[in-house]
Amino acid sequence: MPVFQAAWTFYLNNPALVINGLALFYALSGSWLLLATQIRASRQTSLLVTSPAASEITLAPATLRINRMFNSVGFACLGLALLLSLISTQV
């Protein structure tokens, strides 16, 4: 049996399990993105604090925008994971 045919048969027999697997993928991706962004931001601020001219140096606006975008994408992934998990209970 070809691989795609086996996967399609599995999907037809267990749609809730497949949707939950997709929700798990999105949840792991979103949580990893949020965690990596928080670690990146804490490293940036610790570098600013330890620099000799800490009062004169601030984070660049582009860095703040990128952190905000990564956070919003991470939360969107977690929201999508929650939505898919709720949908899988209805299937």
PDB file of N, CA and C in Angstrom:
ATOM      1  N   MET A   1       0.849  -1.169   0.000  1.00  0.00           N
ATOM      2  CA  MET A   1       0.000   0.000   0.000  1.00  0.00           C
ATOM      3  C   MET A   1       0.901   1.241   0.000  1.00  0.00           C
ATOM      4  N   PRO A   2       0.693   2.168  -0.920  1.00  0.00           N
ATOM      5  CA  PRO A   2       1.511   3.386  -0.947  1.00  0.00           C
ATOM      6  C   PRO A   2       1.340   4.195   0.341  1.00  0.00           C
ATOM      7  N   VAL A   3       2.326   4.977   0.641  1.00  0.00           N
ATOM      8  CA  VAL A   3       2.369   5.715   1.897  1.00  0.00           C
ATOM      9  C   VAL A   3       1.223   6.722   1.991  1.00  0.00           C
ATOM     10  N   PHE A   4       0.968   7.451   0.917  1.00  0.00           N
ATOM     11  CA  PHE A   4      -0.091   8.456   0.961  1.00  0.00           C
ATOM     12  C   PHE A   4      -1.469   7.823   1.105  1.00  0.00           C
ATOM     13  N   GLN A   5      -1.654   6.669   0.485  1.00  0.00           N
ATOM     14  CA  GLN A   5      -2.932   5.981   0.627  1.00  0.00           C
ATOM     15  C   GLN A   5      -3.114   5.484   2.055  1.00  0.00           C
ATOM     16  N   ALA A   6      -2.055   5.007   2.675  1.00  0.00           N
ATOM     17  CA  ALA A   6      -2.131   4.565   4.067  1.00  0.00           C
ATOM     18  C   ALA A   6      -2.416   5.744   4.991  1.00  0.00           C
ATOM     19  N   ALA A   7      -1.768   6.877   4.730  1.00  0.00           N
ATOM     20  CA  ALA A   7      -2.007   8.061   5.556  1.00  0.00           C
ATOM     21  C   ALA A   7      -3.438   8.556   5.394  1.00  0.00           C
ATOM     22  N   TRP A   8      -3.954   8.534   4.164  1.00  0.00           N
ATOM     23  CA  TRP A   8      -5.320   8.982   3.934  1.00  0.00           C
ATOM     24  C   TRP A   8      -6.320   8.046   4.611  1.00  0.00           C
ATOM     25  N   THR A   9      -6.061   6.749   4.566  1.00  0.00           N
ATOM     26  CA  THR A   9      -6.930   5.780   5.236  1.00  0.00           C
ATOM     27  C   THR A   9      -6.902   6.008   6.740  1.00  0.00           C
ATOM     28  N   PHE A  10      -5.719   6.259   7.296  1.00  0.00           N
ATOM     29  CA  PHE A  10      -5.602   6.542   8.727  1.00  0.00           C
ATOM     30  C   PHE A  10      -6.380   7.797   9.088  1.00  0.00           C
ATOM     31  N   TYR A  11      -6.282   8.830   8.236  1.00  0.00           N
ATOM     32  CA  TYR A  11      -7.010  10.069   8.492  1.00  0.00           C
ATOM     33  C   TYR A  11      -8.514   9.832   8.465  1.00  0.00           C
ATOM     34  N   LEU A  12      -8.991   9.051   7.520  1.00  0.00           N
ATOM     35  CA  LEU A  12     -10.424   8.793   7.438  1.00  0.00           C
ATOM     36  C   LEU A  12     -10.922   7.997   8.635  1.00  0.00           C
ATOM     37  N   ASN A  13     -10.068   7.139   9.187  1.00  0.00           N
ATOM     38  CA  ASN A  13     -10.482   6.338  10.333  1.00  0.00           C
ATOM     39  C   ASN A  13     -10.343   7.081  11.660  1.00  0.00           C
ATOM     40  N   ASN A  14      -9.405   8.024  11.757  1.00  0.00           N
ATOM     41  CA  ASN A  14      -9.139   8.732  13.018  1.00  0.00           C
ATOM     42  C   ASN A  14      -8.976  10.239  12.791  1.00  0.00           C
ATOM     43  N   PRO A  15     -10.014  10.936  12.407  1.00  0.00           N
ATOM     44  CA  PRO A  15      -9.835  12.369  12.127  1.00  0.00           C
ATOM     45  C   PRO A  15      -9.499  13.194  13.370  1.00  0.00           C
ATOM     46  N   ALA A  16     -10.051  12.849  14.519  1.00  0.00           N
ATOM     47  CA  ALA A  16      -9.774  13.620  15.741  1.00  0.00           C
ATOM     48  C   ALA A  16      -8.316  13.482  16.158  1.00  0.00           C
ATOM     49  N   LEU A  17      -7.753  12.302  15.985  1.00  0.00           N
ATOM     50  CA  LEU A  17      -6.359  12.082  16.349  1.00  0.00           C
ATOM     51  C   LEU A  17      -5.414  12.878  15.451  1.00  0.00           C
ATOM     52  N   VAL A  18      -5.733  12.930  14.179  1.00  0.00           N
ATOM     53  CA  VAL A  18      -4.898  13.693  13.244  1.00  0.00           C
ATOM     54  C   VAL A  18      -4.994  15.182  13.540  1.00  0.00           C
ATOM     55  N   ILE A  19      -6.181  15.689  13.826  1.00  0.00           N
ATOM     56  CA  ILE A  19      -6.346  17.112  14.144  1.00  0.00           C
ATOM     57  C   ILE A  19      -5.640  17.443  15.453  1.00  0.00           C
ATOM     58  N   ASN A  20      -5.694  16.537  16.430  1.00  0.00           N
ATOM     59  CA  ASN A  20      -4.974  16.761  17.683  1.00  0.00           C
ATOM     60  C   ASN A  20      -3.471  16.758  17.463  1.00  0.00           C
ATOM     61  N   GLY A  21      -2.986  15.922  16.567  1.00  0.00           N
ATOM     62  CA  GLY A  21      -1.564  15.920  16.237  1.00  0.00           C
ATOM     63  C   GLY A  21      -1.136  17.235  15.622  1.00  0.00           C
ATOM     64  N   LEU A  22      -1.970  17.784  14.754  1.00  0.00           N
ATOM     65  CA  LEU A  22      -1.691  19.086  14.163  1.00  0.00           C
ATOM     66  C   LEU A  22      -1.723  20.186  15.228  1.00  0.00           C
ATOM     67  N   ALA A  23      -2.668  20.085  16.169  1.00  0.00           N
ATOM     68  CA  ALA A  23      -2.735  21.051  17.268  1.00  0.00           C
ATOM     69  C   ALA A  23      -1.482  20.966  18.137  1.00  0.00           C
ATOM     70  N   LEU A  24      -0.997  19.764  18.362  1.00  0.00           N
ATOM     71  CA  LEU A  24       0.226  19.599  19.143  1.00  0.00           C
ATOM     72  C   LEU A  24       1.419  20.222  18.427  1.00  0.00           C
ATOM     73  N   PHE A  25       1.491  20.056  17.115  1.00  0.00           N
ATOM     74  CA  PHE A  25       2.564  20.665  16.341  1.00  0.00           C
ATOM     75  C   PHE A  25       2.538  22.184  16.469  1.00  0.00           C
ATOM     76  N   TYR A  26       1.363  22.785  16.330  1.00  0.00           N
ATOM     77  CA  TYR A  26       1.249  24.239  16.454  1.00  0.00           C
ATOM     78  C   TYR A  26       1.567  24.711  17.871  1.00  0.00           C
ATOM     79  N   ALA A  27       1.147  23.947  18.875  1.00  0.00           N
ATOM     80  CA  ALA A  27       1.424  24.340  20.255  1.00  0.00           C
ATOM     81  C   ALA A  27       2.914  24.293  20.547  1.00  0.00           C
ATOM     82  N   LEU A  28       3.593  23.255  20.082  1.00  0.00           N
ATOM     83  CA  LEU A  28       5.034  23.174  20.301  1.00  0.00           C
ATOM     84  C   LEU A  28       5.781  24.269  19.548  1.00  0.00           C
ATOM     85  N   SER A  29       5.347  24.547  18.326  1.00  0.00           N
ATOM     86  CA  SER A  29       5.997  25.598  17.534  1.00  0.00           C
ATOM     87  C   SER A  29       5.812  26.964  18.188  1.00  0.00           C
ATOM     88  N   GLY A  30       4.599  27.268  18.606  1.00  0.00           N
ATOM     89  CA  GLY A  30       4.330  28.559  19.232  1.00  0.00           C
ATOM     90  C   GLY A  30       5.036  28.727  20.561  1.00  0.00           C
ATOM     91  N   SER A  31       5.062  27.674  21.368  1.00  0.00           N
ATOM     92  CA  SER A  31       5.731  27.786  22.667  1.00  0.00           C
ATOM     93  C   SER A  31       7.237  27.908  22.495  1.00  0.00           C
ATOM     94  N   TRP A  32       7.805  27.199  21.512  1.00  0.00           N
ATOM     95  CA  TRP A  32       9.239  27.333  21.256  1.00  0.00           C
ATOM     96  C   TRP A  32       9.561  28.755  20.798  1.00  0.00           C
ATOM     97  N   LEU A  33       8.720  29.320  19.952  1.00  0.00           N
ATOM     98  CA  LEU A  33       8.955  30.670  19.461  1.00  0.00           C
ATOM     99  C   LEU A  33       8.881  31.681  20.591  1.00  0.00           C
ATOM    100  N   LEU A  34       7.916  31.536  21.478  1.00  0.00           N
ATOM    101  CA  LEU A  34       7.807  32.442  22.620  1.00  0.00           C
ATOM    102  C   LEU A  34       9.007  32.306  23.557  1.00  0.00           C
ATOM    103  N   LEU A  35       9.416  31.079  23.817  1.00  0.00           N
ATOM    104  CA  LEU A  35      10.556  30.849  24.697  1.00  0.00           C
ATOM    105  C   LEU A  35      11.843  31.408  24.088  1.00  0.00           C
ATOM    106  N   ALA A  36      12.067  31.160  22.806  1.00  0.00           N
ATOM    107  CA  ALA A  36      13.272  31.671  22.149  1.00  0.00           C
ATOM    108  C   ALA A  36      13.284  33.199  22.127  1.00  0.00           C
ATOM    109  N   THR A  37      12.126  33.815  21.957  1.00  0.00           N
ATOM    110  CA  THR A  37      12.059  35.276  21.952  1.00  0.00           C
ATOM    111  C   THR A  37      12.362  35.839  23.333  1.00  0.00           C
ATOM    112  N   GLN A  38      11.847  35.192  24.372  1.00  0.00           N
ATOM    113  CA  GLN A  38      12.123  35.666  25.723  1.00  0.00           C
ATOM    114  C   GLN A  38      13.601  35.521  26.066  1.00  0.00           C
ATOM    115  N   ILE A  39      14.218  34.431  25.669  1.00  0.00           N
ATOM    116  CA  ILE A  39      15.649  34.248  25.926  1.00  0.00           C
ATOM    117  C   ILE A  39      16.454  35.294  25.159  1.00  0.00           C
ATOM    118  N   ARG A  40      16.082  35.542  23.922  1.00  0.00           N
ATOM    119  CA  ARG A  40      16.778  36.537  23.104  1.00  0.00           C
ATOM    120  C   ARG A  40      16.647  37.933  23.719  1.00  0.00           C
ATOM    121  N   ALA A  41      15.462  38.279  24.171  1.00  0.00           N
ATOM    122  CA  ALA A  41      15.253  39.598  24.765  1.00  0.00           C
ATOM    123  C   ALA A  41      16.018  39.742  26.078  1.00  0.00           C
ATOM    124  N   SER A  42      16.054  38.683  26.877  1.00  0.00           N
ATOM    125  CA  SER A  42      16.786  38.779  28.147  1.00  0.00           C
ATOM    126  C   SER A  42      18.285  38.888  27.908  1.00  0.00           C
ATOM    127  N   ARG A  43      18.799  38.228  26.890  1.00  0.00           N
ATOM    128  CA  ARG A  43      20.225  38.362  26.562  1.00  0.00           C
ATOM    129  C   ARG A  43      20.545  39.777  26.096  1.00  0.00           C
ATOM    130  N   GLN A  44      19.656  40.346  25.302  1.00  0.00           N
ATOM    131  CA  GLN A  44      19.885  41.707  24.814  1.00  0.00           C
ATOM    132  C   GLN A  44      19.884  42.706  25.955  1.00  0.00           C
ATOM    133  N   THR A  45      18.952  42.566  26.873  1.00  0.00           N
ATOM    134  CA  THR A  45      18.901  43.523  27.991  1.00  0.00           C
ATOM    135  C   THR A  45      20.059  43.301  28.948  1.00  0.00           C
ATOM    136  N   SER A  46      20.513  42.067  29.127  1.00  0.00           N
ATOM    137  CA  SER A  46      21.660  41.852  30.014  1.00  0.00           C
ATOM    138  C   SER A  46      22.931  42.433  29.393  1.00  0.00           C
ATOM    139  N   LEU A  47      23.039  42.388  28.064  1.00  0.00           N
ATOM    140  CA  LEU A  47      24.182  43.020  27.417  1.00  0.00           C
ATOM    141  C   LEU A  47      24.136  44.534  27.574  1.00  0.00           C
ATOM    142  N   LEU A  48      22.940  45.093  27.539  1.00  0.00           N
ATOM    143  CA  LEU A  48      22.811  46.544  27.706  1.00  0.00           C
ATOM    144  C   LEU A  48      23.156  46.970  29.127  1.00  0.00           C
ATOM    145  N   VAL A  49      22.765  46.157  30.098  1.00  0.00           N
ATOM    146  CA  VAL A  49      22.995  46.511  31.497  1.00  0.00           C
ATOM    147  C   VAL A  49      24.482  46.421  31.825  1.00  0.00           C
ATOM    148  N   THR A  50      25.179  45.443  31.250  1.00  0.00           N
ATOM    149  CA  THR A  50      26.591  45.262  31.583  1.00  0.00           C
ATOM    150  C   THR A  50      27.519  46.176  30.791  1.00  0.00           C
ATOM    151  N   SER A  51      26.997  46.883  29.793  1.00  0.00           N
ATOM    152  CA  SER A  51      27.854  47.777  29.019  1.00  0.00           C
ATOM    153  C   SER A  51      28.211  49.007  29.853  1.00  0.00           C
ATOM    154  N   PRO A  52      29.393  49.595  29.614  1.00  0.00           N
ATOM    155  CA  PRO A  52      29.815  50.749  30.422  1.00  0.00           C
ATOM    156  C   PRO A  52      28.900  51.962  30.268  1.00  0.00           C
ATOM    157  N   ALA A  53      28.372  52.193  29.095  1.00  0.00           N
ATOM    158  CA  ALA A  53      27.496  53.344  28.875  1.00  0.00           C
ATOM    159  C   ALA A  53      26.044  52.889  28.801  1.00  0.00           C
ATOM    160  N   ALA A  54      25.594  52.173  29.823  1.00  0.00           N
ATOM    161  CA  ALA A  54      24.259  51.570  29.803  1.00  0.00           C
ATOM    162  C   ALA A  54      23.146  52.602  29.748  1.00  0.00           C
ATOM    163  N   SER A  55      23.383  53.767  30.300  1.00  0.00           N
ATOM    164  CA  SER A  55      22.323  54.775  30.297  1.00  0.00           C
ATOM    165  C   SER A  55      22.125  55.392  28.919  1.00  0.00           C
ATOM    166  N   GLU A  56      23.146  55.307  28.054  1.00  0.00           N
ATOM    167  CA  GLU A  56      23.054  55.916  26.734  1.00  0.00           C
ATOM    168  C   GLU A  56      22.557  54.957  25.662  1.00  0.00           C
ATOM    169  N   ILE A  57      22.642  53.653  25.912  1.00  0.00           N
ATOM    170  CA  ILE A  57      22.294  52.663  24.896  1.00  0.00           C
ATOM    171  C   ILE A  57      20.874  52.151  25.145  1.00  0.00           C
ATOM    172  N   THR A  58      20.079  52.124  24.096  1.00  0.00           N
ATOM    173  CA  THR A  58      18.738  51.530  24.163  1.00  0.00           C
ATOM    174  C   THR A  58      18.600  50.539  23.020  1.00  0.00           C
ATOM    175  N   LEU A  59      17.585  49.709  23.107  1.00  0.00           N
ATOM    176  CA  LEU A  59      17.338  48.745  22.032  1.00  0.00           C
ATOM    177  C   LEU A  59      16.840  49.474  20.793  1.00  0.00           C
ATOM    178  N   ALA A  60      17.255  48.999  19.654  1.00  0.00           N
ATOM    179  CA  ALA A  60      16.837  49.604  18.391  1.00  0.00           C
ATOM    180  C   ALA A  60      15.348  49.363  18.167  1.00  0.00           C
ATOM    181  N   PRO A  61      14.667  50.287  17.520  1.00  0.00           N
ATOM    182  CA  PRO A  61      13.241  50.082  17.238  1.00  0.00           C
ATOM    183  C   PRO A  61      12.985  48.831  16.388  1.00  0.00           C
ATOM    184  N   ALA A  62      13.905  48.500  15.495  1.00  0.00           N
ATOM    185  CA  ALA A  62      13.722  47.294  14.683  1.00  0.00           C
ATOM    186  C   ALA A  62      13.754  46.041  15.556  1.00  0.00           C
ATOM    187  N   THR A  63      14.616  46.039  16.562  1.00  0.00           N
ATOM    188  CA  THR A  63      14.696  44.897  17.475  1.00  0.00           C
ATOM    189  C   THR A  63      13.411  44.762  18.273  1.00  0.00           C
ATOM    190  N   LEU A  64      12.878  45.875  18.730  1.00  0.00           N
ATOM    191  CA  LEU A  64      11.621  45.830  19.475  1.00  0.00           C
ATOM    192  C   LEU A  64      10.466  45.355  18.594  1.00  0.00           C
ATOM    193  N   ARG A  65      10.443  45.792  17.322  1.00  0.00           N
ATOM    194  CA  ARG A  65       9.395  45.354  16.404  1.00  0.00           C
ATOM    195  C   ARG A  65       9.505  43.857  16.120  1.00  0.00           C
ATOM    196  N   ILE A  66      10.727  43.365  15.943  1.00  0.00           N
ATOM    197  CA  ILE A  66      10.924  41.942  15.660  1.00  0.00           C
ATOM    198  C   ILE A  66      10.490  41.105  16.855  1.00  0.00           C
ATOM    199  N   ASN A  67      10.840  41.536  18.061  1.00  0.00           N
ATOM    200  CA  ASN A  67      10.407  40.806  19.265  1.00  0.00           C
ATOM    201  C   ASN A  67       8.886  40.800  19.386  1.00  0.00           C
ATOM    202  N   ARG A  68       8.269  41.946  19.093  1.00  0.00           N
ATOM    203  CA  ARG A  68       6.805  42.031  19.169  1.00  0.00           C
ATOM    204  C   ARG A  68       6.151  41.131  18.117  1.00  0.00           C
ATOM    205  N   MET A  69       6.737  41.088  16.906  1.00  0.00           N
ATOM    206  CA  MET A  69       6.194  40.234  15.856  1.00  0.00           C
ATOM    207  C   MET A  69       6.333  38.751  16.225  1.00  0.00           C
ATOM    208  N   PHE A  70       7.513  38.364  16.751  1.00  0.00           N
ATOM    209  CA  PHE A  70       7.705  36.968  17.162  1.00  0.00           C
ATOM    210  C   PHE A  70       6.729  36.582  18.266  1.00  0.00           C
ATOM    211  N   ASN A  71       6.498  37.480  19.215  1.00  0.00           N
ATOM    212  CA  ASN A  71       5.541  37.196  20.286  1.00  0.00           C
ATOM    213  C   ASN A  71       4.125  37.040  19.732  1.00  0.00           C
ATOM    214  N   SER A  72       3.740  37.905  18.804  1.00  0.00           N
ATOM    215  CA  SER A  72       2.384  37.805  18.260  1.00  0.00           C
ATOM    216  C   SER A  72       2.210  36.530  17.440  1.00  0.00           C
ATOM    217  N   VAL A  73       3.225  36.132  16.681  1.00  0.00           N
ATOM    218  CA  VAL A  73       3.131  34.883  15.917  1.00  0.00           C
ATOM    219  C   VAL A  73       3.082  33.686  16.864  1.00  0.00           C
ATOM    220  N   GLY A  74       3.859  33.729  17.932  1.00  0.00           N
ATOM    221  CA  GLY A  74       3.830  32.641  18.914  1.00  0.00           C
ATOM    222  C   GLY A  74       2.474  32.503  19.578  1.00  0.00           C
ATOM    223  N   PHE A  75       1.884  33.633  19.975  1.00  0.00           N
ATOM    224  CA  PHE A  75       0.551  33.574  20.584  1.00  0.00           C
ATOM    225  C   PHE A  75      -0.513  33.159  19.569  1.00  0.00           C
ATOM    226  N   ALA A  76      -0.345  33.550  18.308  1.00  0.00           N
ATOM    227  CA  ALA A  76      -1.284  33.112  17.273  1.00  0.00           C
ATOM    228  C   ALA A  76      -1.204  31.602  17.077  1.00  0.00           C
ATOM    229  N   CYS A  77       0.001  31.050  17.122  1.00  0.00           N
ATOM    230  CA  CYS A  77       0.157  29.599  17.006  1.00  0.00           C
ATOM    231  C   CYS A  77      -0.505  28.885  18.179  1.00  0.00           C
ATOM    232  N   LEU A  78      -0.336  29.424  19.385  1.00  0.00           N
ATOM    233  CA  LEU A  78      -0.981  28.810  20.541  1.00  0.00           C
ATOM    234  C   LEU A  78      -2.503  28.914  20.458  1.00  0.00           C
ATOM    235  N   GLY A  79      -2.998  30.039  19.958  1.00  0.00           N
ATOM    236  CA  GLY A  79      -4.445  30.177  19.770  1.00  0.00           C
ATOM    237  C   GLY A  79      -4.985  29.217  18.732  1.00  0.00           C
ATOM    238  N   LEU A  80      -4.247  29.050  17.644  1.00  0.00           N
ATOM    239  CA  LEU A  80      -4.654  28.094  16.612  1.00  0.00           C
ATOM    240  C   LEU A  80      -4.629  26.674  17.154  1.00  0.00           C
ATOM    241  N   ALA A  81      -3.643  26.369  17.985  1.00  0.00           N
ATOM    242  CA  ALA A  81      -3.581  25.040  18.587  1.00  0.00           C
ATOM    243  C   ALA A  81      -4.793  24.791  19.490  1.00  0.00           C
ATOM    244  N   LEU A  82      -5.169  25.801  20.256  1.00  0.00           N
ATOM    245  CA  LEU A  82      -6.351  25.666  21.112  1.00  0.00           C
ATOM    246  C   LEU A  82      -7.606  25.478  20.274  1.00  0.00           C
ATOM    247  N   LEU A  83      -7.718  26.246  19.206  1.00  0.00           N
ATOM    248  CA  LEU A  83      -8.877  26.131  18.327  1.00  0.00           C
ATOM    249  C   LEU A  83      -8.948  24.748  17.682  1.00  0.00           C
ATOM    250  N   LEU A  84      -7.823  24.249  17.200  1.00  0.00           N
ATOM    251  CA  LEU A  84      -7.811  22.914  16.599  1.00  0.00           C
ATOM    252  C   LEU A  84      -8.134  21.833  17.618  1.00  0.00           C
ATOM    253  N   SER A  85      -7.657  22.012  18.839  1.00  0.00           N
ATOM    254  CA  SER A  85      -7.958  21.037  19.879  1.00  0.00           C
ATOM    255  C   SER A  85      -9.455  21.025  20.207  1.00  0.00           C
ATOM    256  N   LEU A  86     -10.055  22.212  20.225  1.00  0.00           N
ATOM    257  CA  LEU A  86     -11.501  22.273  20.468  1.00  0.00           C
ATOM    258  C   LEU A  86     -12.282  21.683  19.303  1.00  0.00           C
ATOM    259  N   ILE A  87     -11.812  21.903  18.092  1.00  0.00           N
ATOM    260  CA  ILE A  87     -12.477  21.340  16.907  1.00  0.00           C
ATOM    261  C   ILE A  87     -12.390  19.820  16.925  1.00  0.00           C
ATOM    262  N   SER A  88     -11.264  19.285  17.388  1.00  0.00           N
ATOM    263  CA  SER A  88     -11.093  17.840  17.371  1.00  0.00           C
ATOM    264  C   SER A  88     -12.054  17.142  18.331  1.00  0.00           C
ATOM    265  N   THR A  89     -12.530  17.857  19.363  1.00  0.00           N
ATOM    266  CA  THR A  89     -13.508  17.242  20.266  1.00  0.00           C
ATOM    267  C   THR A  89     -14.882  17.146  19.626  1.00  0.00           C
ATOM    268  N   GLN A  90     -15.128  17.982  18.601  1.00  0.00           N
ATOM    269  CA  GLN A  90     -16.425  17.968  17.932  1.00  0.00           C
ATOM    270  C   GLN A  90     -16.489  16.958  16.799  1.00  0.00           C
ATOM    271  N   VAL A  91     -15.321  16.484  16.338  1.00  0.00           N
ATOM    272  CA  VAL A  91     -15.289  15.561  15.197  1.00  0.00           C
ATOM    273  C   VAL A  91     -15.610  14.170  15.645  1.00  0.00           C
TER     274      VAL A  91
END
